[in-house]
Amino acid sequence: MTYGPDDAGLARLLGETRTIAVVGLSSKPDRPSNEVAAYLQRQGYRIVPVNPRETEVLGETAYPTLDDVPADVVIDLVDVFRRAEDTPAVAEEAVRRGARVLWLQLGIESEEARRIAEDAGITVVMDRCIMVDHRALKEALP
């Protein structure tokens, strides 16, 4: 079930976002996480890879968890490529980091993660591809 703001709301949040932590980002170019993150990077977003199995992805230092990202890195949006059962812990980390948006990629839904994030005032998007939405809304971005 797709969940989140309407198109105008999505355009606004994408337009206000500068730094995106991509949880589950793989260095393998054939993986969806890599394709999406590379696209976002080409659009001018700073990408922060979060994956305990990586050291560097797309020219950026990778961190094992959101909690391991240096405190001076402001994370606006957390884009998640993990199984639904892993997302509540990611939501808790996103809350601790002060992220404004928790985005669960296409096919990922978690009511628990949604509740954790929304209770902390974080906007939640579920079961949507940020790359597809960005392409569709590009002309409407502020």
C-alpha atoms as a PDB file:
ATOM      1  CA  MET A   1       0.000   0.000   0.000  1.00  0.00           C
ATOM      2  CA  THR A   2       1.569   3.245  -1.142  1.00  0.00           C
ATOM      3  CA  TYR A   3       1.705   5.764   1.692  1.00  0.00           C
ATOM      4  CA  GLY A   4       2.868   9.347   2.000  1.00  0.00           C
ATOM      5  CA  PRO A   5       2.230  12.917   0.900  1.00  0.00           C
ATOM      6  CA  ASP A   6       0.448  13.816  -2.336  1.00  0.00           C
ATOM      7  CA  ASP A   7       2.481  14.862  -5.395  1.00  0.00           C
ATOM      8  CA  ALA A   8       2.735  18.495  -4.252  1.00  0.00           C
ATOM      9  CA  GLY A   9       3.977  17.345  -0.847  1.00  0.00           C
ATOM     10  CA  LEU A  10       6.486  14.949  -2.420  1.00  0.00           C
ATOM     11  CA  ALA A  11       7.764  17.696  -4.730  1.00  0.00           C
ATOM     12  CA  ARG A  12       8.181  20.026  -1.760  1.00  0.00           C
ATOM     13  CA  LEU A  13      10.106  17.518   0.336  1.00  0.00           C
ATOM     14  CA  LEU A  14      12.326  16.480  -2.591  1.00  0.00           C
ATOM     15  CA  GLY A  15      13.000  20.156  -3.312  1.00  0.00           C
ATOM     16  CA  GLU A  16      13.962  20.828   0.313  1.00  0.00           C
ATOM     17  CA  THR A  17      16.218  17.760   0.583  1.00  0.00           C
ATOM     18  CA  ARG A  18      19.972  18.115   0.180  1.00  0.00           C
ATOM     19  CA  THR A  19      21.471  15.004   1.819  1.00  0.00           C
ATOM     20  CA  ILE A  20      20.071  11.490   1.466  1.00  0.00           C
ATOM     21  CA  ALA A  21      21.309   8.556   3.537  1.00  0.00           C
ATOM     22  CA  VAL A  22      20.696   5.378   1.533  1.00  0.00           C
ATOM     23  CA  VAL A  23      20.370   2.418   3.901  1.00  0.00           C
ATOM     24  CA  GLY A  24      21.249  -0.831   2.170  1.00  0.00           C
ATOM     25  CA  LEU A  25      23.159   0.870  -0.667  1.00  0.00           C
ATOM     26  CA  SER A  26      25.176  -1.678  -2.616  1.00  0.00           C
ATOM     27  CA  SER A  27      28.343  -0.990  -4.612  1.00  0.00           C
ATOM     28  CA  LYS A  28      27.109  -3.443  -7.276  1.00  0.00           C
ATOM     29  CA  PRO A  29      25.941  -1.368 -10.272  1.00  0.00           C
ATOM     30  CA  ASP A  30      23.217  -3.889 -11.175  1.00  0.00           C
ATOM     31  CA  ARG A  31      21.436  -3.482  -7.813  1.00  0.00           C
ATOM     32  CA  PRO A  32      18.396  -1.168  -7.632  1.00  0.00           C
ATOM     33  CA  SER A  33      19.874   0.674  -4.628  1.00  0.00           C
ATOM     34  CA  ASN A  34      22.953   1.601  -6.669  1.00  0.00           C
ATOM     35  CA  GLU A  35      20.916   2.701  -9.686  1.00  0.00           C
ATOM     36  CA  VAL A  36      18.652   4.888  -7.554  1.00  0.00           C
ATOM     37  CA  ALA A  37      21.496   6.417  -5.526  1.00  0.00           C
ATOM     38  CA  ALA A  38      23.549   7.130  -8.668  1.00  0.00           C
ATOM     39  CA  TYR A  39      20.517   8.851 -10.204  1.00  0.00           C
ATOM     40  CA  LEU A  40      19.979  10.961  -7.078  1.00  0.00           C
ATOM     41  CA  GLN A  41      23.670  11.865  -7.001  1.00  0.00           C
ATOM     42  CA  ARG A  42      23.458  13.010 -10.655  1.00  0.00           C
ATOM     43  CA  GLN A  43      20.501  15.210  -9.657  1.00  0.00           C
ATOM     44  CA  GLY A  44      22.721  17.052  -7.169  1.00  0.00           C
ATOM     45  CA  TYR A  45      21.853  15.314  -3.913  1.00  0.00           C
ATOM     46  CA  ARG A  46      24.623  14.320  -1.516  1.00  0.00           C
ATOM     47  CA  ILE A  47      24.460  10.575  -0.965  1.00  0.00           C
ATOM     48  CA  VAL A  48      25.550   8.963   2.312  1.00  0.00           C
ATOM     49  CA  PRO A  49      25.868   5.180   1.887  1.00  0.00           C
ATOM     50  CA  VAL A  50      24.807   3.103   4.903  1.00  0.00           C
ATOM     51  CA  ASN A  51      25.751  -0.559   4.651  1.00  0.00           C
ATOM     52  CA  PRO A  52      27.959  -2.577   7.040  1.00  0.00           C
ATOM     53  CA  ARG A  53      29.313  -4.607   4.094  1.00  0.00           C
ATOM     54  CA  GLU A  54      30.629  -1.587   2.173  1.00  0.00           C
ATOM     55  CA  THR A  55      33.466   0.881   2.735  1.00  0.00           C
ATOM     56  CA  GLU A  56      32.797   3.189  -0.211  1.00  0.00           C
ATOM     57  CA  VAL A  57      29.962   3.493  -2.736  1.00  0.00           C
ATOM     58  CA  LEU A  58      29.673   6.010  -5.587  1.00  0.00           C
ATOM     59  CA  GLY A  59      32.787   7.806  -4.335  1.00  0.00           C
ATOM     60  CA  GLU A  60      31.317   8.353  -0.840  1.00  0.00           C
ATOM     61  CA  THR A  61      32.436   6.790   2.441  1.00  0.00           C
ATOM     62  CA  ALA A  62      29.993   4.130   3.601  1.00  0.00           C
ATOM     63  CA  TYR A  63      28.952   3.727   7.245  1.00  0.00           C
ATOM     64  CA  PRO A  64      27.686   0.567   8.994  1.00  0.00           C
ATOM     65  CA  THR A  65      24.608   2.312  10.463  1.00  0.00           C
ATOM     66  CA  LEU A  66      22.986   5.756  10.506  1.00  0.00           C
ATOM     67  CA  ASP A  67      24.320   6.144  14.050  1.00  0.00           C
ATOM     68  CA  ASP A  68      27.867   5.813  12.660  1.00  0.00           C
ATOM     69  CA  VAL A  69      27.510   8.730  10.220  1.00  0.00           C
ATOM     70  CA  PRO A  70      29.495  11.694  11.621  1.00  0.00           C
ATOM     71  CA  ALA A  71      27.347  14.046  13.699  1.00  0.00           C
ATOM     72  CA  ASP A  72      28.221  17.042  11.499  1.00  0.00           C
ATOM     73  CA  VAL A  73      26.530  15.393   8.495  1.00  0.00           C
ATOM     74  CA  VAL A  74      22.941  16.650   8.378  1.00  0.00           C
ATOM     75  CA  ILE A  75      20.704  13.904   6.993  1.00  0.00           C
ATOM     76  CA  ASP A  76      17.496  15.255   5.480  1.00  0.00           C
ATOM     77  CA  LEU A  77      16.030  12.046   4.106  1.00  0.00           C
ATOM     78  CA  VAL A  78      16.649   8.361   4.855  1.00  0.00           C
ATOM     79  CA  ASP A  79      15.966   6.151   1.817  1.00  0.00           C
ATOM     80  CA  VAL A  80      15.652   2.495   2.830  1.00  0.00           C
ATOM     81  CA  PHE A  81      16.500  -0.586   0.757  1.00  0.00           C
ATOM     82  CA  ARG A  82      16.027  -3.220   3.477  1.00  0.00           C
ATOM     83  CA  ARG A  83      13.460  -5.875   4.325  1.00  0.00           C
ATOM     84  CA  ALA A  84      10.349  -4.557   6.057  1.00  0.00           C
ATOM     85  CA  GLU A  85      11.228  -6.320   9.303  1.00  0.00           C
ATOM     86  CA  ASP A  86      14.511  -4.349   9.452  1.00  0.00           C
ATOM     87  CA  THR A  87      12.866  -0.944   9.052  1.00  0.00           C
ATOM     88  CA  PRO A  88      11.701  -0.217  12.633  1.00  0.00           C
ATOM     89  CA  ALA A  89      15.348  -0.157  13.780  1.00  0.00           C
ATOM     90  CA  VAL A  90      16.187   2.130  10.836  1.00  0.00           C
ATOM     91  CA  ALA A  91      13.273   4.389  11.808  1.00  0.00           C
ATOM     92  CA  GLU A  92      14.655   4.624  15.355  1.00  0.00           C
ATOM     93  CA  GLU A  93      18.071   5.605  13.975  1.00  0.00           C
ATOM     94  CA  ALA A  94      16.447   8.171  11.655  1.00  0.00           C
ATOM     95  CA  VAL A  95      14.709   9.703  14.677  1.00  0.00           C
ATOM     96  CA  ARG A  96      18.003   9.892  16.598  1.00  0.00           C
ATOM     97  CA  ARG A  97      19.661  11.543  13.567  1.00  0.00           C
ATOM     98  CA  GLY A  98      16.925  14.154  13.233  1.00  0.00           C
ATOM     99  CA  ALA A  99      16.003  13.187   9.669  1.00  0.00           C
ATOM    100  CA  ARG A 100      12.944  14.935   8.239  1.00  0.00           C
ATOM    101  CA  VAL A 101      11.835  12.082   5.948  1.00  0.00           C
ATOM    102  CA  LEU A 102      11.852   8.267   6.141  1.00  0.00           C
ATOM    103  CA  TRP A 103      11.353   6.794   2.667  1.00  0.00           C
ATOM    104  CA  LEU A 104      10.751   3.049   2.325  1.00  0.00           C
ATOM    105  CA  GLN A 105      11.385   1.979  -1.245  1.00  0.00           C
ATOM    106  CA  LEU A 106       8.953   0.242  -3.571  1.00  0.00           C
ATOM    107  CA  GLY A 107       7.678  -2.996  -2.043  1.00  0.00           C
ATOM    108  CA  ILE A 108       8.645  -2.061   1.535  1.00  0.00           C
ATOM    109  CA  GLU A 109       5.945  -1.371   4.120  1.00  0.00           C
ATOM    110  CA  SER A 110       6.106  -1.299   7.908  1.00  0.00           C
ATOM    111  CA  GLU A 111       3.405   0.115  10.128  1.00  0.00           C
ATOM    112  CA  GLU A 112       5.797  -0.077  13.089  1.00  0.00           C
ATOM    113  CA  ALA A 113       8.477   1.963  11.277  1.00  0.00           C
ATOM    114  CA  ARG A 114       5.799   4.443  10.171  1.00  0.00           C
ATOM    115  CA  ARG A 115       4.538   4.864  13.734  1.00  0.00           C
ATOM    116  CA  ILE A 116       8.051   5.323  15.166  1.00  0.00           C
ATOM    117  CA  ALA A 117       8.907   7.977  12.583  1.00  0.00           C
ATOM    118  CA  GLU A 118       5.584   9.830  12.593  1.00  0.00           C
ATOM    119  CA  ASP A 119       5.473   9.909  16.400  1.00  0.00           C
ATOM    120  CA  ALA A 120       8.766  11.832  16.180  1.00  0.00           C
ATOM    121  CA  GLY A 121       7.414  14.237  13.531  1.00  0.00           C
ATOM    122  CA  ILE A 122       9.143  12.612  10.561  1.00  0.00           C
ATOM    123  CA  THR A 123       7.329  12.482   7.217  1.00  0.00           C
ATOM    124  CA  VAL A 124       6.964   8.881   6.023  1.00  0.00           C
ATOM    125  CA  VAL A 125       6.765   7.557   2.470  1.00  0.00           C
ATOM    126  CA  MET A 126       6.250   3.822   1.931  1.00  0.00           C
ATOM    127  CA  ASP A 127       6.150   1.533  -1.085  1.00  0.00           C
ATOM    128  CA  ARG A 128       7.339   4.195  -3.551  1.00  0.00           C
ATOM    129  CA  CYS A 129      10.511   4.569  -5.597  1.00  0.00           C
ATOM    130  CA  ILE A 130      12.203   7.901  -4.938  1.00  0.00           C
ATOM    131  CA  MET A 131      13.815   7.835  -8.405  1.00  0.00           C
ATOM    132  CA  VAL A 132      10.486   7.281 -10.182  1.00  0.00           C
ATOM    133  CA  ASP A 133       8.824  10.020  -8.119  1.00  0.00           C
ATOM    134  CA  HIS A 134      11.710  12.449  -8.654  1.00  0.00           C
ATOM    135  CA  ARG A 135      11.585  11.923 -12.415  1.00  0.00           C
ATOM    136  CA  ALA A 136       7.817  12.394 -12.472  1.00  0.00           C
ATOM    137  CA  LEU A 137       7.900  15.516 -10.277  1.00  0.00           C
ATOM    138  CA  LYS A 138      11.176  17.074 -11.474  1.00  0.00           C
ATOM    139  CA  GLU A 139       9.482  20.015 -13.182  1.00  0.00           C
ATOM    140  CA  ALA A 140       7.419  20.754 -10.048  1.00  0.00           C
ATOM    141  CA  LEU A 141      10.349  20.840  -7.611  1.00  0.00           C
ATOM    142  CA  PRO A 142      10.810  24.185  -5.845  1.00  0.00           C
END
